[in-house]
Protein backbone atom coordinates (compact mmCIF):
# COMPACT_ATOMS: atom_id res chain seq x y z
CA MET A 1 226.28 275.30 260.67
CA SER A 2 223.94 274.66 257.86
CA ALA A 3 220.46 275.74 257.72
CA THR A 4 219.17 272.15 258.08
CA THR A 5 221.35 271.81 261.08
CA ALA A 6 220.01 274.59 262.69
CA CYS A 7 216.62 273.99 262.42
CA VAL A 8 217.43 270.48 264.39
CA TYR A 9 218.68 272.41 267.07
CA ALA A 10 215.91 274.90 266.67
CA ALA A 11 213.38 272.21 266.92
CA LEU A 12 215.02 270.36 269.61
CA MET A 13 215.49 273.74 271.70
CA LEU A 14 211.91 274.45 271.52
CA GLN A 15 210.68 271.06 272.43
CA ASP A 16 213.06 270.89 275.77
CA ALA A 17 211.67 274.63 276.57
CA GLY A 18 208.01 273.44 276.24
CA LYS A 19 207.29 275.75 273.39
CA THR A 20 205.30 275.48 270.48
CA VAL A 21 207.36 273.47 267.71
CA ASP A 22 205.85 275.57 264.70
CA ALA A 23 207.65 277.60 261.33
CA ALA A 24 207.56 281.05 262.94
CA SER A 25 209.08 279.58 266.13
CA ILE A 26 211.98 277.84 264.35
CA THR A 27 212.97 280.75 261.98
CA THR A 28 212.63 283.07 265.31
CA ALA A 29 215.25 280.74 266.55
CA VAL A 30 217.38 280.50 263.79
CA VAL A 31 217.25 283.70 262.95
CA ALA A 32 218.77 284.64 266.29
CA SER A 33 221.54 281.84 266.02
CA GLY A 34 222.63 284.17 262.89
CA VAL A 35 222.27 281.38 260.49
CA GLU A 36 220.55 282.57 257.16
CA VAL A 37 217.63 280.21 256.42
CA SER A 38 215.23 280.08 253.28
CA ALA A 39 211.40 280.45 254.20
CA THR A 40 210.50 277.01 253.03
CA LEU A 41 212.81 275.22 255.37
CA PRO A 42 211.17 275.98 258.77
CA ILE A 43 207.74 274.82 256.64
CA LEU A 44 208.97 271.45 255.71
CA PHE A 45 210.39 271.24 259.38
CA GLU A 46 207.18 272.21 260.76
CA ARG A 47 204.91 269.79 258.45
CA PHE A 48 207.07 267.07 259.11
CA LEU A 49 207.17 267.48 263.22
CA ALA A 50 203.64 267.82 263.07
CA LYS A 51 203.33 264.16 262.06
CA ASN A 52 206.43 262.98 263.88
CA SER A 53 206.53 264.59 267.30
CA VAL A 54 210.16 264.94 268.59
CA SER A 55 209.85 262.86 271.90
CA ASP A 56 208.88 260.23 269.63
CA LEU A 57 211.85 260.66 267.00
CA ILE A 58 213.93 260.93 270.10
CA ALA A 59 212.84 257.82 271.82
CA LYS A 60 212.79 256.18 268.44
CA ALA A 61 216.97 257.28 268.29
CA ALA A 62 217.62 255.95 271.68
CA SER A 63 215.85 252.65 271.43
CA PRO A 64 217.90 249.46 270.44
CA GLY A 65 217.32 247.90 266.99
CA ALA A 66 216.10 244.55 266.78
CA ALA A 67 218.59 241.70 267.35
């Protein structure tokens, strides 16, 4: 599994568990899964998710496109 995919799964897992989705939590989850991740990738995810919540991203992906 790639580090990026692991960060996505970590963010989804943390959101589902009602936990804070931040760089430290993402890093902890990814390391626990046995995937090596650079220190900057979880920070990038945290910054992106600060502006775009996981719930909103899921809702946008699930909504039908324009006709």
